[in-house]
């Protein structure tokens, strides 16, 4: 077995940064799925966000409709009370 002699030359900061970039790049490359899978994941995330927003919109519309009905009922009862007044009979 032949061993290579390691140089005792200290690495410069630039060399260390380049080495870290290579290691980090290879790690990310291993962890990330292929590009087409990433695009599918992005599409699914956007679809999920749209679905959640539609749910909130539906709930908000329902709440608005309920409150409008309450206001209409309140105004109708006030109008009915105004119409029903005691009539004095002589």
N, C-alpha and C. Protein backbone atom coordinates (compact mmCIF):
# COMPACT_ATOMS: atom_id res chain seq x y z
N UNK A 1 0.84 -1.16 0.00
CA UNK A 1 0.00 0.00 0.00
C UNK A 1 0.90 1.24 0.00
N UNK A 2 0.63 2.09 -0.94
CA UNK A 2 1.44 3.28 -1.08
C UNK A 2 0.65 4.47 -0.54
N UNK A 3 1.27 5.20 0.34
CA UNK A 3 0.58 6.37 0.90
C UNK A 3 1.14 7.62 0.27
N UNK A 4 0.20 8.52 -0.01
CA UNK A 4 0.64 9.79 -0.55
C UNK A 4 1.05 10.68 0.60
N UNK A 5 2.02 11.46 0.36
CA UNK A 5 2.44 12.38 1.39
C UNK A 5 1.49 13.57 1.41
N UNK A 6 1.06 13.88 2.57
CA UNK A 6 0.18 15.03 2.71
C UNK A 6 1.03 16.26 2.90
N UNK A 7 0.63 17.27 2.21
CA UNK A 7 1.41 18.50 2.34
C UNK A 7 0.97 19.23 3.60
N UNK A 8 1.86 19.87 4.21
CA UNK A 8 1.57 20.61 5.42
C UNK A 8 1.21 22.06 5.13
N UNK A 9 1.04 22.33 3.86
CA UNK A 9 0.69 23.68 3.44
C UNK A 9 -0.72 24.01 3.95
N UNK A 10 -0.89 25.08 4.69
CA UNK A 10 -2.22 25.43 5.19
C UNK A 10 -3.11 25.91 4.04
N UNK A 11 -4.38 25.51 4.13
CA UNK A 11 -5.32 25.91 3.08
C UNK A 11 -5.69 27.38 3.27
N UNK A 12 -5.88 28.01 2.17
CA UNK A 12 -6.34 29.38 2.26
C UNK A 12 -7.84 29.37 2.50
N UNK A 13 -8.35 30.49 2.90
CA UNK A 13 -9.78 30.61 3.18
C UNK A 13 -10.59 30.34 1.91
N UNK A 14 -10.11 30.80 0.78
CA UNK A 14 -10.81 30.58 -0.48
C UNK A 14 -10.89 29.10 -0.82
N UNK A 15 -9.80 28.37 -0.59
CA UNK A 15 -9.79 26.94 -0.87
C UNK A 15 -10.76 26.21 0.05
N UNK A 16 -10.81 26.61 1.30
CA UNK A 16 -11.74 25.98 2.24
C UNK A 16 -13.18 26.24 1.84
N UNK A 17 -13.46 27.46 1.41
CA UNK A 17 -14.81 27.80 0.98
C UNK A 17 -15.19 26.99 -0.25
N UNK A 18 -14.30 26.86 -1.20
CA UNK A 18 -14.58 26.08 -2.41
C UNK A 18 -14.84 24.61 -2.05
N UNK A 19 -14.04 24.08 -1.14
CA UNK A 19 -14.21 22.68 -0.72
C UNK A 19 -15.57 22.50 -0.05
N UNK A 20 -15.95 23.45 0.82
CA UNK A 20 -17.26 23.37 1.48
C UNK A 20 -18.40 23.48 0.47
N UNK A 21 -18.24 24.34 -0.53
CA UNK A 21 -19.26 24.46 -1.57
C UNK A 21 -19.45 23.14 -2.30
N UNK A 22 -18.34 22.48 -2.62
CA UNK A 22 -18.43 21.20 -3.33
C UNK A 22 -19.13 20.16 -2.47
N UNK A 23 -18.75 20.09 -1.19
CA UNK A 23 -19.38 19.11 -0.29
C UNK A 23 -20.86 19.40 -0.11
N UNK A 24 -21.17 20.67 0.10
CA UNK A 24 -22.56 21.06 0.30
C UNK A 24 -23.38 20.83 -0.97
N UNK A 25 -22.79 21.13 -2.13
CA UNK A 25 -23.48 20.91 -3.40
C UNK A 25 -23.79 19.44 -3.63
N UNK A 26 -22.83 18.59 -3.30
CA UNK A 26 -23.07 17.16 -3.49
C UNK A 26 -24.13 16.66 -2.51
N UNK A 27 -24.14 17.21 -1.30
CA UNK A 27 -25.15 16.83 -0.31
C UNK A 27 -26.55 17.24 -0.76
N UNK A 28 -26.66 18.47 -1.27
CA UNK A 28 -27.96 18.94 -1.77
C UNK A 28 -28.40 18.12 -2.98
N UNK A 29 -27.46 17.80 -3.85
CA UNK A 29 -27.78 17.02 -5.03
C UNK A 29 -28.33 15.65 -4.64
N UNK A 30 -27.82 15.07 -3.58
CA UNK A 30 -28.30 13.77 -3.11
C UNK A 30 -29.70 13.90 -2.52
N UNK A 31 -29.94 14.98 -1.78
CA UNK A 31 -31.21 15.13 -1.06
C UNK A 31 -32.36 15.58 -1.95
N UNK A 32 -32.09 16.38 -2.95
CA UNK A 32 -33.16 16.91 -3.78
C UNK A 32 -33.60 15.92 -4.84
N UNK A 33 -34.90 15.86 -5.07
CA UNK A 33 -35.40 14.98 -6.13
C UNK A 33 -35.15 15.61 -7.50
N UNK A 34 -35.40 14.87 -8.56
CA UNK A 34 -35.20 15.40 -9.92
C UNK A 34 -36.08 16.62 -10.18
N UNK A 35 -35.73 17.36 -11.23
CA UNK A 35 -36.40 18.62 -11.54
C UNK A 35 -37.89 18.44 -11.81
N UNK A 36 -38.25 17.40 -12.55
CA UNK A 36 -39.67 17.20 -12.85
C UNK A 36 -40.48 16.90 -11.60
N UNK A 37 -39.86 16.19 -10.65
CA UNK A 37 -40.55 15.91 -9.38
C UNK A 37 -40.70 17.20 -8.58
N UNK A 38 -39.67 18.05 -8.60
CA UNK A 38 -39.74 19.33 -7.90
C UNK A 38 -40.86 20.20 -8.47
N UNK A 39 -40.99 20.21 -9.78
CA UNK A 39 -42.06 20.99 -10.40
C UNK A 39 -43.43 20.46 -10.00
N UNK A 40 -43.56 19.16 -9.91
CA UNK A 40 -44.83 18.55 -9.50
C UNK A 40 -45.13 18.91 -8.04
N UNK A 41 -44.12 18.92 -7.19
CA UNK A 41 -44.30 19.29 -5.78
C UNK A 41 -44.72 20.75 -5.68
N UNK A 42 -44.08 21.63 -6.45
CA UNK A 42 -44.46 23.05 -6.44
C UNK A 42 -45.92 23.21 -6.87
N UNK A 43 -46.30 22.49 -7.93
CA UNK A 43 -47.67 22.57 -8.42
C UNK A 43 -48.66 22.11 -7.35
N UNK A 44 -48.32 21.02 -6.67
CA UNK A 44 -49.20 20.51 -5.61
C UNK A 44 -49.30 21.49 -4.45
N UNK A 45 -48.20 22.13 -4.09
CA UNK A 45 -48.24 23.12 -3.01
C UNK A 45 -49.11 24.31 -3.38
N UNK A 46 -49.00 24.77 -4.61
CA UNK A 46 -49.82 25.89 -5.05
C UNK A 46 -51.29 25.49 -5.07
N UNK A 47 -51.59 24.28 -5.52
CA UNK A 47 -52.96 23.79 -5.54
C UNK A 47 -53.52 23.71 -4.12
N UNK A 48 -52.69 23.26 -3.18
CA UNK A 48 -53.13 23.18 -1.78
C UNK A 48 -53.42 24.57 -1.23
N UNK A 49 -52.58 25.54 -1.55
CA UNK A 49 -52.82 26.91 -1.09
C UNK A 49 -54.12 27.46 -1.66
N UNK A 50 -54.35 27.21 -2.93
CA UNK A 50 -55.58 27.68 -3.57
C UNK A 50 -56.79 27.03 -2.90
N UNK A 51 -56.71 25.75 -2.61
CA UNK A 51 -57.82 25.06 -1.96
C UNK A 51 -58.11 25.64 -0.58
N UNK A 52 -57.07 25.91 0.17
CA UNK A 52 -57.25 26.49 1.51
C UNK A 52 -57.88 27.87 1.41
N UNK A 53 -57.42 28.67 0.46
CA UNK A 53 -58.00 30.01 0.29
C UNK A 53 -59.47 29.93 -0.14
N UNK A 54 -59.80 28.95 -0.98
CA UNK A 54 -61.20 28.78 -1.38
C UNK A 54 -62.07 28.39 -0.19
N UNK A 55 -61.52 27.56 0.71
CA UNK A 55 -62.26 27.19 1.92
C UNK A 55 -62.53 28.42 2.76
N UNK A 56 -61.49 29.25 2.97
CA UNK A 56 -61.67 30.47 3.75
C UNK A 56 -62.68 31.41 3.08
N UNK A 57 -62.64 31.49 1.76
CA UNK A 57 -63.58 32.35 1.04
C UNK A 57 -65.01 31.85 1.24
N UNK A 58 -65.20 30.54 1.16
CA UNK A 58 -66.53 29.97 1.35
C UNK A 58 -67.04 30.25 2.76
N UNK A 59 -66.18 30.05 3.76
CA UNK A 59 -66.58 30.32 5.14
C UNK A 59 -66.90 31.80 5.35
N UNK A 60 -66.10 32.66 4.76
CA UNK A 60 -66.33 34.09 4.88
C UNK A 60 -67.64 34.49 4.20
N UNK A 61 -67.90 33.96 3.01
CA UNK A 61 -69.15 34.26 2.31
C UNK A 61 -70.35 33.80 3.14
N UNK A 62 -70.24 32.62 3.75
CA UNK A 62 -71.33 32.11 4.58
C UNK A 62 -71.57 33.02 5.78
N UNK A 63 -70.49 33.45 6.42
CA UNK A 63 -70.61 34.33 7.59
C UNK A 63 -71.23 35.67 7.20
N UNK A 64 -70.82 36.21 6.05
CA UNK A 64 -71.38 37.48 5.57
C UNK A 64 -72.87 37.33 5.29
N UNK A 65 -73.25 36.23 4.65
CA UNK A 65 -74.66 35.99 4.35
C UNK A 65 -75.48 35.87 5.63
N UNK A 66 -74.94 35.18 6.62
CA UNK A 66 -75.64 35.01 7.90
C UNK A 66 -75.84 36.37 8.58
N UNK A 67 -74.81 37.18 8.59
CA UNK A 67 -74.92 38.50 9.23
C UNK A 67 -75.88 39.41 8.47
N UNK A 68 -75.89 39.33 7.15
CA UNK A 68 -76.83 40.14 6.36
C UNK A 68 -78.27 39.72 6.65
N UNK A 69 -78.49 38.42 6.80
CA UNK A 69 -79.84 37.95 7.12
C UNK A 69 -80.28 38.45 8.50
N UNK A 70 -79.37 38.46 9.45
CA UNK A 70 -79.69 38.97 10.78
C UNK A 70 -80.05 40.45 10.73
N UNK A 71 -79.31 41.21 9.95
CA UNK A 71 -79.60 42.64 9.83
C UNK A 71 -80.95 42.84 9.17
N UNK A 72 -81.25 42.09 8.13
CA UNK A 72 -82.54 42.20 7.45
C UNK A 72 -83.69 41.84 8.38
N UNK A 73 -83.53 40.78 9.16
CA UNK A 73 -84.57 40.38 10.10
C UNK A 73 -84.78 41.45 11.17
N UNK A 74 -83.69 42.04 11.61
CA UNK A 74 -83.79 43.08 12.63
C UNK A 74 -84.53 44.29 12.10
N UNK A 75 -84.23 44.68 10.88
CA UNK A 75 -84.92 45.85 10.31
C UNK A 75 -86.39 45.54 10.05
N UNK A 76 -86.70 44.31 9.67
CA UNK A 76 -88.10 43.94 9.42
C UNK A 76 -88.90 43.96 10.72
N UNK A 77 -88.33 43.47 11.79
CA UNK A 77 -89.05 43.46 13.07
C UNK A 77 -89.27 44.90 13.57
N UNK A 78 -88.31 45.78 13.34
CA UNK A 78 -88.48 47.18 13.74
C UNK A 78 -89.59 47.83 12.93
N UNK A 79 -89.66 47.53 11.63
CA UNK A 79 -90.71 48.08 10.78
C UNK A 79 -92.09 47.56 11.21
N UNK A 80 -92.16 46.27 11.55
CA UNK A 80 -93.42 45.69 12.00
C UNK A 80 -93.87 46.33 13.30
N UNK A 81 -92.93 46.58 14.18
CA UNK A 81 -93.29 47.21 15.45
C UNK A 81 -93.80 48.62 15.22
N UNK A 82 -93.25 49.31 14.25
CA UNK A 82 -93.72 50.66 13.95
C UNK A 82 -95.13 50.62 13.37
N UNK A 83 -95.41 49.61 12.56
CA UNK A 83 -96.73 49.51 11.94
C UNK A 83 -97.80 49.16 12.96
N UNK A 84 -97.42 48.36 13.94
CA UNK A 84 -98.39 47.93 14.94
C UNK A 84 -98.36 48.96 16.06
N UNK A 85 -99.32 49.83 16.01
CA UNK A 85 -99.45 50.84 17.05
C UNK A 85 -100.88 50.79 17.57
N UNK A 86 -101.01 51.19 18.79
CA UNK A 86 -102.35 51.20 19.36
C UNK A 86 -103.13 52.36 18.75
N UNK A 87 -104.33 52.03 18.39
CA UNK A 87 -105.21 53.06 17.83
C UNK A 87 -106.21 53.44 18.91
N UNK A 88 -106.28 54.69 19.17
CA UNK A 88 -107.23 55.16 20.18
C UNK A 88 -108.63 55.22 19.57
N UNK A 89 -109.54 54.65 20.28
CA UNK A 89 -110.92 54.63 19.81
C UNK A 89 -111.71 55.59 20.71
N UNK A 90 -112.45 56.47 20.10
CA UNK A 90 -113.26 57.43 20.85
C UNK A 90 -114.60 56.87 21.21
